[in-house]
Amino acid sequence: MADLNVAQHPDILQTCGLGSCVGACLWDPVTKIGGMAHVMLPSSTLAKGGNEAKFADTAVPILINEMVRLGADKSRLVAKIAGGAQMFAFYSANDIMKIGDRNTEAVKAVLQQAKIRLLAQDTGGNYGRTIEFYTTDNRLYVRTINLGEKYI
């Protein structure tokens, strides 16, 4: 959690335990450089200092910079995301408790701001996910407990 990493073909990036967190995966189809961030919260304004990989607004730009440093071209990057579940029921109209939705929307907003096209997503619901991102071909494997598995 609250981590990010970059890799190059044929490496596979994995993160476990995506509940309300969002796994944001970026890929350059020419260099086959990929990156993944495990985003816990939508905005760094929610905390003072700390791990920048924890927040959508700081993790995604760092991920982009790390990929470019490795040889990716920002203009070619595409994205896939998974996670953003509502793991617990809250009987309130207050959106502050809808952290999964807020994380998903924040990651999508940062991607849009960076002009990175979102190709696929598996978000929402009330269940956790484990994901594996294949730098070879941009496949994102999504595994859930009792709800199966799929590639997006």
C-alpha atoms as a PDB file:
ATOM      1  CA  MET A   1       0.000   0.000   0.000  1.00  0.00           C
ATOM      2  CA  ALA A   2       1.004   3.570  -0.656  1.00  0.00           C
ATOM      3  CA  ASP A   3       3.773   2.432  -2.977  1.00  0.00           C
ATOM      4  CA  LEU A   4       4.689   2.642  -6.622  1.00  0.00           C
ATOM      5  CA  ASN A   5       7.122   0.966  -8.946  1.00  0.00           C
ATOM      6  CA  VAL A   6       8.178   0.877 -12.575  1.00  0.00           C
ATOM      7  CA  ALA A   7       9.355  -2.060 -14.644  1.00  0.00           C
ATOM      8  CA  GLN A   8      10.267  -3.050 -18.167  1.00  0.00           C
ATOM      9  CA  HIS A   9       9.274  -5.998 -20.349  1.00  0.00           C
ATOM     10  CA  PRO A  10       9.026  -8.877 -19.365  1.00  0.00           C
ATOM     11  CA  ASP A  11       8.471  -7.895 -15.726  1.00  0.00           C
ATOM     12  CA  ILE A  12       5.131  -8.156 -13.920  1.00  0.00           C
ATOM     13  CA  LEU A  13       4.004  -5.661 -11.286  1.00  0.00           C
ATOM     14  CA  GLN A  14       1.613  -6.827  -8.563  1.00  0.00           C
ATOM     15  CA  THR A  15      -0.264  -5.366  -5.655  1.00  0.00           C
ATOM     16  CA  CYS A  16      -2.536  -7.127  -3.184  1.00  0.00           C
ATOM     17  CA  GLY A  17      -5.351  -5.933  -1.008  1.00  0.00           C
ATOM     18  CA  LEU A  18      -6.986  -3.241  -3.115  1.00  0.00           C
ATOM     19  CA  GLY A  19     -10.127  -2.379  -1.197  1.00  0.00           C
ATOM     20  CA  SER A  20     -10.938   1.308  -1.367  1.00  0.00           C
ATOM     21  CA  CYS A  21      -7.425   1.841  -2.743  1.00  0.00           C
ATOM     22  CA  VAL A  22      -6.896   2.167  -6.493  1.00  0.00           C
ATOM     23  CA  GLY A  23      -4.195   0.434  -8.487  1.00  0.00           C
ATOM     24  CA  ALA A  24      -3.186   2.787 -11.306  1.00  0.00           C
ATOM     25  CA  CYS A  25      -1.211   1.116 -14.107  1.00  0.00           C
ATOM     26  CA  LEU A  26       0.534   3.059 -16.874  1.00  0.00           C
ATOM     27  CA  TRP A  27       2.213   1.642 -19.971  1.00  0.00           C
ATOM     28  CA  ASP A  28       4.266   2.814 -22.937  1.00  0.00           C
ATOM     29  CA  PRO A  29       3.514   0.443 -25.852  1.00  0.00           C
ATOM     30  CA  VAL A  30       6.782   1.180 -27.684  1.00  0.00           C
ATOM     31  CA  THR A  31       9.319   0.746 -24.880  1.00  0.00           C
ATOM     32  CA  LYS A  32       7.074  -1.680 -22.935  1.00  0.00           C
ATOM     33  CA  ILE A  33       7.818   0.218 -19.756  1.00  0.00           C
ATOM     34  CA  GLY A  34       5.049  -0.053 -17.199  1.00  0.00           C
ATOM     35  CA  GLY A  35       4.315   1.413 -13.822  1.00  0.00           C
ATOM     36  CA  MET A  36       1.899   0.815 -10.982  1.00  0.00           C
ATOM     37  CA  ALA A  37       0.845   2.955  -8.035  1.00  0.00           C
ATOM     38  CA  HIS A  38      -1.213   1.695  -5.071  1.00  0.00           C
ATOM     39  CA  VAL A  39      -3.156   4.863  -4.212  1.00  0.00           C
ATOM     40  CA  MET A  40      -4.749   5.047  -0.754  1.00  0.00           C
ATOM     41  CA  LEU A  41      -6.212   8.571  -0.649  1.00  0.00           C
ATOM     42  CA  PRO A  42      -7.380  11.079  -3.250  1.00  0.00           C
ATOM     43  CA  SER A  43      -5.447  14.172  -2.224  1.00  0.00           C
ATOM     44  CA  SER A  44      -2.215  15.077  -0.466  1.00  0.00           C
ATOM     45  CA  THR A  45      -4.073  18.013   1.085  1.00  0.00           C
ATOM     46  CA  LEU A  46      -5.661  15.452   3.439  1.00  0.00           C
ATOM     47  CA  ALA A  47      -2.391  14.989   5.335  1.00  0.00           C
ATOM     48  CA  LYS A  48       0.716  16.890   6.239  1.00  0.00           C
ATOM     49  CA  GLY A  49       3.805  15.489   4.563  1.00  0.00           C
ATOM     50  CA  GLY A  50       4.417  11.784   4.464  1.00  0.00           C
ATOM     51  CA  ASN A  51       4.575   9.258   1.678  1.00  0.00           C
ATOM     52  CA  GLU A  52       3.728  10.899  -1.661  1.00  0.00           C
ATOM     53  CA  ALA A  53       2.900   7.486  -3.187  1.00  0.00           C
ATOM     54  CA  LYS A  54      -0.159   7.401  -0.914  1.00  0.00           C
ATOM     55  CA  PHE A  55      -2.104  10.113  -2.765  1.00  0.00           C
ATOM     56  CA  ALA A  56      -3.560  10.204  -6.284  1.00  0.00           C
ATOM     57  CA  ASP A  57      -2.464  13.795  -6.910  1.00  0.00           C
ATOM     58  CA  THR A  58       1.179  13.052  -6.110  1.00  0.00           C
ATOM     59  CA  ALA A  59       1.603   9.322  -6.891  1.00  0.00           C
ATOM     60  CA  VAL A  60       0.536   9.461 -10.541  1.00  0.00           C
ATOM     61  CA  PRO A  61       2.884  12.356 -11.464  1.00  0.00           C
ATOM     62  CA  ILE A  62       5.761  10.611  -9.672  1.00  0.00           C
ATOM     63  CA  LEU A  63       4.956   7.394 -11.541  1.00  0.00           C
ATOM     64  CA  ILE A  64       4.966   9.251 -14.858  1.00  0.00           C
ATOM     65  CA  ASN A  65       8.335  10.870 -14.059  1.00  0.00           C
ATOM     66  CA  GLU A  66       9.879   7.532 -13.031  1.00  0.00           C
ATOM     67  CA  MET A  67       8.686   5.918 -16.252  1.00  0.00           C
ATOM     68  CA  VAL A  68      10.062   8.782 -18.362  1.00  0.00           C
ATOM     69  CA  ARG A  69      13.369   8.525 -16.487  1.00  0.00           C
ATOM     70  CA  LEU A  70      13.479   4.829 -17.499  1.00  0.00           C
ATOM     71  CA  GLY A  71      12.863   5.718 -21.163  1.00  0.00           C
ATOM     72  CA  ALA A  72       9.081   5.927 -21.628  1.00  0.00           C
ATOM     73  CA  ASP A  73       7.525   8.741 -23.645  1.00  0.00           C
ATOM     74  CA  LYS A  74       4.766  10.524 -21.721  1.00  0.00           C
ATOM     75  CA  SER A  75       2.804  11.195 -24.916  1.00  0.00           C
ATOM     76  CA  ARG A  76       2.406   7.447 -25.525  1.00  0.00           C
ATOM     77  CA  LEU A  77       1.296   6.443 -22.024  1.00  0.00           C
ATOM     78  CA  VAL A  78      -2.038   4.691 -21.544  1.00  0.00           C
ATOM     79  CA  ALA A  79      -3.697   3.629 -18.292  1.00  0.00           C
ATOM     80  CA  LYS A  80      -5.793   0.937 -16.660  1.00  0.00           C
ATOM     81  CA  ILE A  81      -7.138   1.111 -13.099  1.00  0.00           C
ATOM     82  CA  ALA A  82      -8.710  -1.265 -10.597  1.00  0.00           C
ATOM     83  CA  GLY A  83      -9.994  -1.055  -7.026  1.00  0.00           C
ATOM     84  CA  GLY A  84     -11.938   1.801  -5.491  1.00  0.00           C
ATOM     85  CA  ALA A  85     -14.417  -0.408  -3.655  1.00  0.00           C
ATOM     86  CA  GLN A  86     -16.796   0.614  -0.890  1.00  0.00           C
ATOM     87  CA  MET A  87     -15.708  -2.012   1.620  1.00  0.00           C
ATOM     88  CA  PHE A  88     -18.051  -1.030   4.450  1.00  0.00           C
ATOM     89  CA  ALA A  89     -21.642   0.172   4.503  1.00  0.00           C
ATOM     90  CA  PHE A  90     -22.125   3.644   5.937  1.00  0.00           C
ATOM     91  CA  TYR A  91     -25.609   4.957   6.521  1.00  0.00           C
ATOM     92  CA  SER A  92     -24.855   8.544   5.743  1.00  0.00           C
ATOM     93  CA  ALA A  93     -25.279  10.879   2.822  1.00  0.00           C
ATOM     94  CA  ASN A  94     -21.798  12.227   3.557  1.00  0.00           C
ATOM     95  CA  ASP A  95     -19.457  11.600   0.616  1.00  0.00           C
ATOM     96  CA  ILE A  96     -16.398  11.763   2.883  1.00  0.00           C
ATOM     97  CA  MET A  97     -16.915   8.088   3.734  1.00  0.00           C
ATOM     98  CA  LYS A  98     -17.062   7.045   0.066  1.00  0.00           C
ATOM     99  CA  ILE A  99     -13.284   6.821  -0.136  1.00  0.00           C
ATOM    100  CA  GLY A 100     -13.261   4.209  -2.926  1.00  0.00           C
ATOM    101  CA  ASP A 101     -15.314   6.424  -5.236  1.00  0.00           C
ATOM    102  CA  ARG A 102     -13.244   9.450  -4.297  1.00  0.00           C
ATOM    103  CA  ASN A 103      -9.989   7.590  -4.994  1.00  0.00           C
ATOM    104  CA  THR A 104     -11.262   6.422  -8.380  1.00  0.00           C
ATOM    105  CA  GLU A 105     -12.404   9.890  -9.406  1.00  0.00           C
ATOM    106  CA  ALA A 106      -9.144  11.466  -8.209  1.00  0.00           C
ATOM    107  CA  VAL A 107      -6.985   9.019 -10.185  1.00  0.00           C
ATOM    108  CA  LYS A 108      -9.125   9.558 -13.290  1.00  0.00           C
ATOM    109  CA  ALA A 109      -8.855  13.341 -12.894  1.00  0.00           C
ATOM    110  CA  VAL A 110      -5.052  13.216 -12.588  1.00  0.00           C
ATOM    111  CA  LEU A 111      -4.840  10.967 -15.667  1.00  0.00           C
ATOM    112  CA  GLN A 112      -7.062  13.344 -17.625  1.00  0.00           C
ATOM    113  CA  GLN A 113      -4.988  16.321 -16.497  1.00  0.00           C
ATOM    114  CA  ALA A 114      -1.838  14.524 -17.688  1.00  0.00           C
ATOM    115  CA  LYS A 115      -3.578  13.682 -21.006  1.00  0.00           C
ATOM    116  CA  ILE A 116      -3.247   9.943 -20.418  1.00  0.00           C
ATOM    117  CA  ARG A 117      -6.027   7.869 -21.958  1.00  0.00           C
ATOM    118  CA  LEU A 118      -7.807   5.440 -19.628  1.00  0.00           C
ATOM    119  CA  LEU A 119      -8.251   2.207 -21.608  1.00  0.00           C
ATOM    120  CA  ALA A 120     -10.035   0.078 -19.012  1.00  0.00           C
ATOM    121  CA  GLN A 121     -11.148  -0.026 -15.415  1.00  0.00           C
ATOM    122  CA  ASP A 122     -12.517  -2.494 -12.910  1.00  0.00           C
ATOM    123  CA  THR A 123     -13.633  -0.287 -10.040  1.00  0.00           C
ATOM    124  CA  GLY A 124     -16.348   0.020  -7.433  1.00  0.00           C
ATOM    125  CA  GLY A 125     -18.353  -2.736  -5.834  1.00  0.00           C
ATOM    126  CA  ASN A 126     -17.862  -3.900  -2.268  1.00  0.00           C
ATOM    127  CA  TYR A 127     -15.050  -6.408  -2.669  1.00  0.00           C
ATOM    128  CA  GLY A 128     -11.277  -6.393  -2.676  1.00  0.00           C
ATOM    129  CA  ARG A 129      -8.962  -7.105  -5.560  1.00  0.00           C
ATOM    130  CA  THR A 130      -5.433  -8.265  -6.245  1.00  0.00           C
ATOM    131  CA  ILE A 131      -3.920  -7.161  -9.529  1.00  0.00           C
ATOM    132  CA  GLU A 132      -0.993  -8.143 -11.738  1.00  0.00           C
ATOM    133  CA  PHE A 133       0.149  -5.847 -14.541  1.00  0.00           C
ATOM    134  CA  TYR A 134       2.037  -7.379 -17.472  1.00  0.00           C
ATOM    135  CA  THR A 135       4.553  -4.994 -19.054  1.00  0.00           C
ATOM    136  CA  THR A 136       4.843  -7.248 -22.108  1.00  0.00           C
ATOM    137  CA  ASP A 137       1.362  -6.563 -23.458  1.00  0.00           C
ATOM    138  CA  ASN A 138      -0.529  -4.209 -21.083  1.00  0.00           C
ATOM    139  CA  ARG A 139      -2.771  -6.932 -19.656  1.00  0.00           C
ATOM    140  CA  LEU A 140      -4.152  -6.225 -16.202  1.00  0.00           C
ATOM    141  CA  TYR A 141      -5.164  -9.386 -14.365  1.00  0.00           C
ATOM    142  CA  VAL A 142      -7.786  -8.761 -11.676  1.00  0.00           C
ATOM    143  CA  ARG A 143      -8.457 -11.443  -9.060  1.00  0.00           C
ATOM    144  CA  THR A 144     -11.241 -11.312  -6.482  1.00  0.00           C
ATOM    145  CA  ILE A 145     -12.391 -13.659  -3.737  1.00  0.00           C
ATOM    146  CA  ASN A 146     -15.607 -15.453  -4.700  1.00  0.00           C
ATOM    147  CA  LEU A 147     -16.169 -13.221  -7.751  1.00  0.00           C
ATOM    148  CA  GLY A 148     -13.655 -14.727 -10.132  1.00  0.00           C
ATOM    149  CA  GLU A 149     -10.828 -13.329 -12.108  1.00  0.00           C
ATOM    150  CA  LYS A 150     -10.406 -11.565 -15.439  1.00  0.00           C
ATOM    151  CA  TYR A 151      -8.074  -9.639 -17.675  1.00  0.00           C
ATOM    152  CA  ILE A 152      -8.839  -6.067 -18.625  1.00  0.00           C
END
